[in-house]
Structures are given as structure tokens and as C-alpha cells.
PDB file of all heavy atoms in Angstrom:
ATOM      1  N   ASN A   1      10.415  -0.599   4.398  1.00  0.00           N
ATOM      2  CA  ASN A   1       9.632  -1.424   3.497  1.00  0.00           C
ATOM      3  C   ASN A   1       8.096  -1.163   3.577  1.00  0.00           C
ATOM      4  O   ASN A   1       7.389  -1.056   2.582  1.00  0.00           O
ATOM      5  CB  ASN A   1       9.863  -2.884   3.698  1.00  0.00           C
ATOM      6  CG  ASN A   1      11.216  -3.361   3.257  1.00  0.00           C
ATOM      7  OD1 ASN A   1      12.023  -2.493   2.874  1.00  0.00           O
ATOM      8  ND2 ASN A   1      11.478  -4.604   3.316  1.00  0.00           N
ATOM      9  N   TYR A   2       7.629  -0.991   4.822  1.00  0.00           N
ATOM     10  CA  TYR A   2       6.254  -0.602   5.127  1.00  0.00           C
ATOM     11  C   TYR A   2       5.934   0.742   4.498  1.00  0.00           C
ATOM     12  O   TYR A   2       4.914   0.926   3.824  1.00  0.00           O
ATOM     13  CB  TYR A   2       6.005  -0.640   6.573  1.00  0.00           C
ATOM     14  CG  TYR A   2       4.559  -0.050   6.952  1.00  0.00           C
ATOM     15  CD1 TYR A   2       3.470  -0.889   7.036  1.00  0.00           C
ATOM     16  CD2 TYR A   2       4.425   1.320   7.241  1.00  0.00           C
ATOM     17  CE1 TYR A   2       2.213  -0.331   7.335  1.00  0.00           C
ATOM     18  CE2 TYR A   2       3.188   1.786   7.552  1.00  0.00           C
ATOM     19  CZ  TYR A   2       2.111   0.959   7.615  1.00  0.00           C
ATOM     20  OH  TYR A   2       0.888   1.513   7.948  1.00  0.00           O
ATOM     21  N   VAL A   3       6.830   1.755   4.771  1.00  0.00           N
ATOM     22  CA  VAL A   3       6.631   3.077   4.236  1.00  0.00           C
ATOM     23  C   VAL A   3       6.589   3.030   2.724  1.00  0.00           C
ATOM     24  O   VAL A   3       5.655   3.643   2.106  1.00  0.00           O
ATOM     25  CB  VAL A   3       7.749   3.998   4.753  1.00  0.00           C
ATOM     26  CG1 VAL A   3       7.637   5.362   4.064  1.00  0.00           C
ATOM     27  CG2 VAL A   3       7.687   4.161   6.258  1.00  0.00           C
ATOM     28  N   TYR A   4       7.465   2.352   2.048  1.00  0.00           N
ATOM     29  CA  TYR A   4       7.466   2.343   0.651  1.00  0.00           C
ATOM     30  C   TYR A   4       6.181   1.693   0.073  1.00  0.00           C
ATOM     31  O   TYR A   4       5.608   2.231  -0.910  1.00  0.00           O
ATOM     32  CB  TYR A   4       8.634   1.412   0.164  1.00  0.00           C
ATOM     33  CG  TYR A   4       8.675   1.234  -1.364  1.00  0.00           C
ATOM     34  CD1 TYR A   4       9.137   2.208  -2.210  1.00  0.00           C
ATOM     35  CD2 TYR A   4       8.122   0.064  -1.872  1.00  0.00           C
ATOM     36  CE1 TYR A   4       9.105   2.027  -3.625  1.00  0.00           C
ATOM     37  CE2 TYR A   4       8.131  -0.170  -3.267  1.00  0.00           C
ATOM     38  CZ  TYR A   4       8.624   0.806  -4.120  1.00  0.00           C
ATOM     39  OH  TYR A   4       8.609   0.605  -5.490  1.00  0.00           O
ATOM     40  N   GLU A   5       5.737   0.535   0.688  1.00  0.00           N
ATOM     41  CA  GLU A   5       4.503  -0.085   0.232  1.00  0.00           C
ATOM     42  C   GLU A   5       3.288   0.767   0.393  1.00  0.00           C
ATOM     43  O   GLU A   5       2.343   0.860  -0.419  1.00  0.00           O
ATOM     44  CB  GLU A   5       4.319  -1.402   0.881  1.00  0.00           C
ATOM     45  CG  GLU A   5       5.131  -2.506   0.363  1.00  0.00           C
ATOM     46  CD  GLU A   5       4.788  -2.877  -1.065  1.00  0.00           C
ATOM     47  OE1 GLU A   5       3.854  -3.641  -1.234  1.00  0.00           O
ATOM     48  OE2 GLU A   5       5.507  -2.410  -1.980  1.00  0.00           O
ATOM     49  N   MET A   6       3.191   1.395   1.544  1.00  0.00           N
ATOM     50  CA  MET A   6       1.993   2.191   1.861  1.00  0.00           C
ATOM     51  C   MET A   6       1.902   3.460   0.926  1.00  0.00           C
ATOM     52  O   MET A   6       0.890   3.840   0.413  1.00  0.00           O
ATOM     53  CB  MET A   6       1.894   2.637   3.273  1.00  0.00           C
ATOM     54  CG  MET A   6       0.630   3.133   3.739  1.00  0.00           C
ATOM     55  SD  MET A   6      -0.722   1.948   3.619  1.00  0.00           S
ATOM     56  CE  MET A   6      -0.634   1.180   5.226  1.00  0.00           C
ATOM     57  N   VAL A   7       3.093   4.145   0.754  1.00  0.00           N
ATOM     58  CA  VAL A   7       3.099   5.293  -0.082  1.00  0.00           C
ATOM     59  C   VAL A   7       2.814   4.822  -1.587  1.00  0.00           C
ATOM     60  O   VAL A   7       2.065   5.528  -2.251  1.00  0.00           O
ATOM     61  CB  VAL A   7       4.479   6.005  -0.047  1.00  0.00           C
ATOM     62  CG1 VAL A   7       4.557   7.122  -1.099  1.00  0.00           C
ATOM     63  CG2 VAL A   7       4.722   6.560   1.321  1.00  0.00           C
ATOM     64  N   GLY A   8       3.425   3.697  -1.947  1.00  0.00           N
ATOM     65  CA  GLY A   8       3.136   3.186  -3.335  1.00  0.00           C
ATOM     66  C   GLY A   8       1.676   2.836  -3.602  1.00  0.00           C
ATOM     67  O   GLY A   8       1.181   3.155  -4.674  1.00  0.00           O
ATOM     68  N   LYS A   9       1.037   2.391  -2.484  1.00  0.00           N
ATOM     69  CA  LYS A   9      -0.336   2.082  -2.678  1.00  0.00           C
ATOM     70  C   LYS A   9      -1.176   3.327  -3.008  1.00  0.00           C
ATOM     71  O   LYS A   9      -2.018   3.356  -3.966  1.00  0.00           O
ATOM     72  CB  LYS A   9      -0.919   1.472  -1.327  1.00  0.00           C
ATOM     73  CG  LYS A   9      -2.480   1.354  -1.229  1.00  0.00           C
ATOM     74  CD  LYS A   9      -2.855   0.977   0.150  1.00  0.00           C
ATOM     75  CE  LYS A   9      -4.376   0.952   0.303  1.00  0.00           C
ATOM     76  NZ  LYS A   9      -5.083  -0.131  -0.451  1.00  0.00           N
ATOM     77  N   TYR A  10      -0.956   4.456  -2.241  1.00  0.00           N
ATOM     78  CA  TYR A  10      -1.699   5.663  -2.515  1.00  0.00           C
ATOM     79  C   TYR A  10      -1.274   6.403  -3.776  1.00  0.00           C
ATOM     80  O   TYR A  10      -2.067   7.088  -4.482  1.00  0.00           O
ATOM     81  CB  TYR A  10      -1.674   6.547  -1.284  1.00  0.00           C
ATOM     82  CG  TYR A  10      -2.481   5.871  -0.166  1.00  0.00           C
ATOM     83  CD1 TYR A  10      -1.797   5.358   0.971  1.00  0.00           C
ATOM     84  CD2 TYR A  10      -3.794   5.735  -0.213  1.00  0.00           C
ATOM     85  CE1 TYR A  10      -2.542   4.734   1.956  1.00  0.00           C
ATOM     86  CE2 TYR A  10      -4.579   5.149   0.756  1.00  0.00           C
ATOM     87  CZ  TYR A  10      -3.872   4.644   1.911  1.00  0.00           C
ATOM     88  OH  TYR A  10      -4.571   4.006   2.837  1.00  0.00           O
ATOM     89  N   SER A  11       0.009   6.253  -4.127  1.00  0.00           N
ATOM     90  CA  SER A  11       0.426   6.851  -5.383  1.00  0.00           C
ATOM     91  C   SER A  11      -0.256   6.129  -6.578  1.00  0.00           C
ATOM     92  O   SER A  11      -0.712   6.819  -7.509  1.00  0.00           O
ATOM     93  CB  SER A  11       2.010   6.650  -5.500  1.00  0.00           C
ATOM     94  OG  SER A  11       2.501   7.195  -6.658  1.00  0.00           O
ATOM     95  N   ASP A  12      -0.383   4.848  -6.509  1.00  0.00           N
ATOM     96  CA  ASP A  12      -1.096   4.074  -7.591  1.00  0.00           C
ATOM     97  C   ASP A  12      -2.525   4.522  -7.637  1.00  0.00           C
ATOM     98  O   ASP A  12      -3.105   4.740  -8.686  1.00  0.00           O
ATOM     99  CB  ASP A  12      -1.032   2.588  -7.307  1.00  0.00           C
ATOM    100  CG  ASP A  12       0.277   1.973  -7.612  1.00  0.00           C
ATOM    101  OD1 ASP A  12       1.143   2.683  -8.259  1.00  0.00           O
ATOM    102  OD2 ASP A  12       0.531   0.744  -7.306  1.00  0.00           O
ATOM    103  N   ILE A  13      -3.166   4.689  -6.457  1.00  0.00           N
ATOM    104  CA  ILE A  13      -4.549   5.068  -6.432  1.00  0.00           C
ATOM    105  C   ILE A  13      -4.742   6.484  -7.117  1.00  0.00           C
ATOM    106  O   ILE A  13      -5.669   6.648  -7.977  1.00  0.00           O
ATOM    107  CB  ILE A  13      -5.141   5.109  -5.031  1.00  0.00           C
ATOM    108  CG1 ILE A  13      -5.288   3.772  -4.457  1.00  0.00           C
ATOM    109  CG2 ILE A  13      -6.474   5.880  -4.911  1.00  0.00           C
ATOM    110  CD1 ILE A  13      -5.680   3.626  -3.007  1.00  0.00           C
ATOM    111  N   LEU A  14      -3.900   7.438  -6.734  1.00  0.00           N
ATOM    112  CA  LEU A  14      -4.047   8.784  -7.296  1.00  0.00           C
ATOM    113  C   LEU A  14      -3.702   8.830  -8.751  1.00  0.00           C
ATOM    114  O   LEU A  14      -4.185   9.739  -9.446  1.00  0.00           O
ATOM    115  CB  LEU A  14      -3.193   9.732  -6.452  1.00  0.00           C
ATOM    116  CG  LEU A  14      -3.619   9.980  -5.035  1.00  0.00           C
ATOM    117  CD1 LEU A  14      -2.699  11.020  -4.329  1.00  0.00           C
ATOM    118  CD2 LEU A  14      -5.067  10.515  -4.921  1.00  0.00           C
ATOM    119  N   GLU A  15      -2.845   7.964  -9.223  1.00  0.00           N
ATOM    120  CA  GLU A  15      -2.550   7.926 -10.633  1.00  0.00           C
ATOM    121  C   GLU A  15      -3.340   6.929 -11.450  1.00  0.00           C
ATOM    122  O   GLU A  15      -3.122   6.726 -12.625  1.00  0.00           O
ATOM    123  CB  GLU A  15      -1.002   7.571 -10.728  1.00  0.00           C
ATOM    124  CG  GLU A  15      -0.054   8.657 -10.258  1.00  0.00           C
ATOM    125  CD  GLU A  15       1.342   8.196 -10.318  1.00  0.00           C
ATOM    126  OE1 GLU A  15       1.660   7.193 -11.067  1.00  0.00           O
ATOM    127  OE2 GLU A  15       2.203   8.839  -9.641  1.00  0.00           O
ATOM    128  N   ASN A  16      -4.363   6.415 -10.736  1.00  0.00           N
ATOM    129  CA  ASN A  16      -5.286   5.447 -11.423  1.00  0.00           C
ATOM    130  C   ASN A  16      -4.615   4.245 -12.057  1.00  0.00           C
ATOM    131  O   ASN A  16      -4.952   3.727 -13.106  1.00  0.00           O
ATOM    132  CB  ASN A  16      -6.174   6.171 -12.500  1.00  0.00           C
ATOM    133  CG  ASN A  16      -7.197   7.082 -11.916  1.00  0.00           C
ATOM    134  OD1 ASN A  16      -7.858   6.767 -10.947  1.00  0.00           O
ATOM    135  ND2 ASN A  16      -7.250   8.322 -12.426  1.00  0.00           N
ATOM    136  N   LYS A  17      -3.560   3.766 -11.336  1.00  0.00           N
ATOM    137  CA  LYS A  17      -2.913   2.563 -11.762  1.00  0.00           C
ATOM    138  C   LYS A  17      -3.482   1.357 -11.023  1.00  0.00           C
ATOM    139  O   LYS A  17      -4.053   1.544 -10.043  1.00  0.00           O
ATOM    140  CB  LYS A  17      -1.309   2.641 -11.455  1.00  0.00           C
ATOM    141  CG  LYS A  17      -0.612   3.773 -12.182  1.00  0.00           C
ATOM    142  CD  LYS A  17       0.846   3.765 -11.747  1.00  0.00           C
ATOM    143  CE  LYS A  17       1.616   4.773 -12.509  1.00  0.00           C
ATOM    144  NZ  LYS A  17       3.072   4.832 -11.996  1.00  0.00           N
ATOM    145  N   ASN A  18      -3.205   0.186 -11.614  1.00  0.00           N
ATOM    146  CA  ASN A  18      -3.591  -1.035 -10.835  1.00  0.00           C
ATOM    147  C   ASN A  18      -2.756  -1.155  -9.627  1.00  0.00           C
ATOM    148  O   ASN A  18      -1.546  -1.034  -9.703  1.00  0.00           O
ATOM    149  CB  ASN A  18      -3.405  -2.291 -11.704  1.00  0.00           C
ATOM    150  CG  ASN A  18      -4.345  -2.328 -12.906  1.00  0.00           C
ATOM    151  OD1 ASN A  18      -5.543  -1.872 -12.798  1.00  0.00           O
ATOM    152  ND2 ASN A  18      -3.884  -2.873 -14.034  1.00  0.00           N
ATOM    153  N   GLU A  19      -3.358  -1.330  -8.525  1.00  0.00           N
ATOM    154  CA  GLU A  19      -2.641  -1.378  -7.221  1.00  0.00           C
ATOM    155  C   GLU A  19      -1.796  -2.634  -7.188  1.00  0.00           C
ATOM    156  O   GLU A  19      -2.275  -3.812  -7.467  1.00  0.00           O
ATOM    157  CB  GLU A  19      -3.560  -1.418  -6.022  1.00  0.00           C
ATOM    158  CG  GLU A  19      -4.255  -0.038  -5.844  1.00  0.00           C
ATOM    159  CD  GLU A  19      -5.125  -0.030  -4.576  1.00  0.00           C
ATOM    160  OE1 GLU A  19      -4.669  -0.387  -3.563  1.00  0.00           O
ATOM    161  OE2 GLU A  19      -6.295   0.396  -4.718  1.00  0.00           O
ATOM    162  N   ASN A  20      -0.567  -2.475  -6.856  1.00  0.00           N
ATOM    163  CA  ASN A  20       0.439  -3.638  -6.808  1.00  0.00           C
ATOM    164  C   ASN A  20       1.272  -3.541  -5.544  1.00  0.00           C
ATOM    165  O   ASN A  20       2.419  -3.957  -5.581  1.00  0.00           O
ATOM    166  CB  ASN A  20       1.255  -3.682  -8.086  1.00  0.00           C
ATOM    167  CG  ASN A  20       2.033  -4.978  -8.179  1.00  0.00           C
ATOM    168  OD1 ASN A  20       1.505  -6.082  -7.773  1.00  0.00           O
ATOM    169  ND2 ASN A  20       3.198  -4.938  -8.727  1.00  0.00           N
ATOM    170  N   HIS A  21       0.650  -2.960  -4.519  1.00  0.00           N
ATOM    171  CA  HIS A  21       1.355  -2.827  -3.275  1.00  0.00           C
ATOM    172  C   HIS A  21       0.573  -3.434  -2.103  1.00  0.00           C
ATOM    173  O   HIS A  21      -0.697  -3.280  -2.120  1.00  0.00           O
ATOM    174  CB  HIS A  21       1.631  -1.317  -2.946  1.00  0.00           C
ATOM    175  CG  HIS A  21       2.590  -0.713  -3.957  1.00  0.00           C
ATOM    176  ND1 HIS A  21       3.946  -0.794  -3.821  1.00  0.00           N
ATOM    177  CD2 HIS A  21       2.367  -0.034  -5.136  1.00  0.00           C
ATOM    178  CE1 HIS A  21       4.500  -0.138  -4.806  1.00  0.00           C
ATOM    179  NE2 HIS A  21       3.550   0.310  -5.586  1.00  0.00           N
ATOM    180  N   HIS A  22       1.232  -4.036  -1.130  1.00  0.00           N
ATOM    181  CA  HIS A  22       0.572  -4.823  -0.134  1.00  0.00           C
ATOM    182  C   HIS A  22       1.079  -4.557   1.224  1.00  0.00           C
ATOM    183  O   HIS A  22       1.821  -5.344   1.835  1.00  0.00           O
ATOM    184  CB  HIS A  22       0.573  -6.354  -0.367  1.00  0.00           C
ATOM    185  CG  HIS A  22      -0.032  -6.709  -1.686  1.00  0.00           C
ATOM    186  ND1 HIS A  22      -1.418  -6.796  -1.911  1.00  0.00           N
ATOM    187  CD2 HIS A  22       0.568  -6.956  -2.952  1.00  0.00           C
ATOM    188  CE1 HIS A  22      -1.679  -7.141  -3.144  1.00  0.00           C
ATOM    189  NE2 HIS A  22      -0.511  -7.257  -3.746  1.00  0.00           N
ATOM    190  N   PRO A  23       0.912  -3.309   1.770  1.00  0.00           N
ATOM    191  CA  PRO A  23       1.500  -2.958   3.078  1.00  0.00           C
ATOM    192  C   PRO A  23       0.959  -3.836   4.220  1.00  0.00           C
ATOM    193  O   PRO A  23       1.677  -4.028   5.175  1.00  0.00           O
ATOM    194  CB  PRO A  23       0.996  -1.512   3.259  1.00  0.00           C
ATOM    195  CG  PRO A  23      -0.136  -1.313   2.334  1.00  0.00           C
ATOM    196  CD  PRO A  23       0.150  -2.204   1.155  1.00  0.00           C
ATOM    197  N   GLU A  24      -0.274  -4.377   4.042  1.00  0.00           N
ATOM    198  CA  GLU A  24      -0.753  -5.316   5.113  1.00  0.00           C
ATOM    199  C   GLU A  24       0.068  -6.618   5.210  1.00  0.00           C
ATOM    200  O   GLU A  24      -0.047  -7.263   6.223  1.00  0.00           O
ATOM    201  CB  GLU A  24      -2.193  -5.681   4.753  1.00  0.00           C
ATOM    202  CG  GLU A  24      -2.476  -6.603   3.662  1.00  0.00           C
ATOM    203  CD  GLU A  24      -2.324  -5.967   2.294  1.00  0.00           C
ATOM    204  OE1 GLU A  24      -2.125  -4.778   2.176  1.00  0.00           O
ATOM    205  OE2 GLU A  24      -2.427  -6.709   1.261  1.00  0.00           O
ATOM    206  N   LYS A  25       0.859  -6.873   4.225  1.00  0.00           N
ATOM    207  CA  LYS A  25       1.788  -8.113   4.324  1.00  0.00           C
ATOM    208  C   LYS A  25       3.139  -7.697   5.042  1.00  0.00           C
ATOM    209  O   LYS A  25       3.866  -8.597   5.268  1.00  0.00           O
ATOM    210  CB  LYS A  25       2.005  -8.587   2.955  1.00  0.00           C
ATOM    211  CG  LYS A  25       0.733  -9.236   2.318  1.00  0.00           C
ATOM    212  CD  LYS A  25       1.074  -9.939   0.977  1.00  0.00           C
ATOM    213  CE  LYS A  25      -0.119 -10.560   0.343  1.00  0.00           C
ATOM    214  NZ  LYS A  25       0.135 -11.261  -0.898  1.00  0.00           N
ATOM    215  N   ILE A  26       3.372  -6.444   5.227  1.00  0.00           N
ATOM    216  CA  ILE A  26       4.523  -5.966   6.001  1.00  0.00           C
ATOM    217  C   ILE A  26       4.251  -5.759   7.435  1.00  0.00           C
ATOM    218  O   ILE A  26       5.037  -6.220   8.286  1.00  0.00           O
ATOM    219  CB  ILE A  26       5.065  -4.650   5.368  1.00  0.00           C
ATOM    220  CG1 ILE A  26       5.324  -4.830   3.846  1.00  0.00           C
ATOM    221  CG2 ILE A  26       6.302  -4.207   6.069  1.00  0.00           C
ATOM    222  CD1 ILE A  26       6.451  -5.747   3.493  1.00  0.00           C
ATOM    223  N   PHE A  27       3.161  -5.138   7.762  1.00  0.00           N
ATOM    224  CA  PHE A  27       2.662  -4.916   9.140  1.00  0.00           C
ATOM    225  C   PHE A  27       1.236  -5.092   9.227  1.00  0.00           C
ATOM    226  O   PHE A  27       0.498  -4.403   8.440  1.00  0.00           O
ATOM    227  CB  PHE A  27       3.125  -3.515   9.639  1.00  0.00           C
ATOM    228  CG  PHE A  27       2.860  -3.273  11.054  1.00  0.00           C
ATOM    229  CD1 PHE A  27       3.910  -3.446  11.975  1.00  0.00           C
ATOM    230  CD2 PHE A  27       1.612  -2.902  11.494  1.00  0.00           C
ATOM    231  CE1 PHE A  27       3.646  -3.237  13.322  1.00  0.00           C
ATOM    232  CE2 PHE A  27       1.358  -2.682  12.875  1.00  0.00           C
ATOM    233  CZ  PHE A  27       2.391  -2.829  13.751  1.00  0.00           C
ATOM    234  N   ASN A  28       0.794  -5.880  10.228  1.00  0.00           N
ATOM    235  CA  ASN A  28      -0.671  -6.155  10.247  1.00  0.00           C
ATOM    236  C   ASN A  28      -1.132  -6.530  11.640  1.00  0.00           C
ATOM    237  O   ASN A  28      -0.760  -7.497  12.204  1.00  0.00           O
ATOM    238  CB  ASN A  28      -0.951  -7.370   9.293  1.00  0.00           C
ATOM    239  CG  ASN A  28      -2.527  -7.447   9.006  1.00  0.00           C
ATOM    240  OD1 ASN A  28      -3.310  -7.029   9.798  1.00  0.00           O
ATOM    241  ND2 ASN A  28      -2.839  -8.009   7.803  1.00  0.00           N
ATOM    242  N   ARG A  29      -1.870  -5.558  12.219  1.00  0.00           N
ATOM    243  CA  ARG A  29      -2.616  -5.884  13.478  1.00  0.00           C
ATOM    244  C   ARG A  29      -4.084  -5.724  13.205  1.00  0.00           C
ATOM    245  O   ARG A  29      -4.854  -5.479  14.143  1.00  0.00           O
ATOM    246  CB  ARG A  29      -2.103  -5.026  14.589  1.00  0.00           C
ATOM    247  CG  ARG A  29      -2.308  -3.475  14.453  1.00  0.00           C
ATOM    248  CD  ARG A  29      -1.865  -2.788  15.785  1.00  0.00           C
ATOM    249  NE  ARG A  29      -1.463  -1.500  15.498  1.00  0.00           N
ATOM    250  CZ  ARG A  29      -0.330  -0.917  16.038  1.00  0.00           C
ATOM    251  NH1 ARG A  29       0.365  -1.642  16.909  1.00  0.00           N
ATOM    252  NH2 ARG A  29       0.031   0.325  15.790  1.00  0.00           N
ATOM    253  N   GLY A  30      -4.456  -5.992  11.936  1.00  0.00           N
ATOM    254  CA  GLY A  30      -5.860  -5.759  11.590  1.00  0.00           C
ATOM    255  C   GLY A  30      -5.988  -4.328  11.044  1.00  0.00           C
ATOM    256  O   GLY A  30      -5.394  -3.407  11.457  1.00  0.00           O
ATOM    257  N   TYR A  31      -6.887  -4.245   9.973  1.00  0.00           N
ATOM    258  CA  TYR A  31      -7.077  -2.875   9.395  1.00  0.00           C
ATOM    259  C   TYR A  31      -8.550  -2.539   9.399  1.00  0.00           C
ATOM    260  O   TYR A  31      -9.458  -3.393   9.280  1.00  0.00           O
ATOM    261  CB  TYR A  31      -6.559  -2.818   7.989  1.00  0.00           C
ATOM    262  CG  TYR A  31      -5.083  -2.727   7.909  1.00  0.00           C
ATOM    263  CD1 TYR A  31      -4.223  -3.816   7.824  1.00  0.00           C
ATOM    264  CD2 TYR A  31      -4.476  -1.452   7.935  1.00  0.00           C
ATOM    265  CE1 TYR A  31      -2.869  -3.703   7.826  1.00  0.00           C
ATOM    266  CE2 TYR A  31      -3.069  -1.336   7.896  1.00  0.00           C
ATOM    267  CZ  TYR A  31      -2.275  -2.445   7.824  1.00  0.00           C
ATOM    268  OH  TYR A  31      -0.926  -2.327   7.787  1.00  0.00           O
ATOM    269  N   SER A  32      -8.863  -1.264   9.491  1.00  0.00           N
ATOM    270  CA  SER A  32     -10.294  -0.794   9.431  1.00  0.00           C
ATOM    271  C   SER A  32     -10.285   0.536   8.665  1.00  0.00           C
ATOM    272  O   SER A  32      -9.194   1.040   8.206  1.00  0.00           O
ATOM    273  CB  SER A  32     -10.771  -0.515  10.832  1.00  0.00           C
ATOM    274  OG  SER A  32     -10.329   0.705  11.349  1.00  0.00           O
TER     275      SER A  32
END
């Protein structure tokens, strides 16, 4: 699920789609 969400996030970015993926809600120890 994490892999799908993270890949989907970057796929949306590269295709200039509205981002609709939230990998930080699957795994989160803080992000930078």
C-alpha cells in the first residue's frame, strides 16, 4: 500500500495531475 501510494504521488506529479495520494498516512516517522 505504501509503495502504491508513493509511486502514485510521483506519477501524478510527472503527469501534472492533482495529487490524490497520501503515503505519509501509510508510513510516517516524519518527513523532510
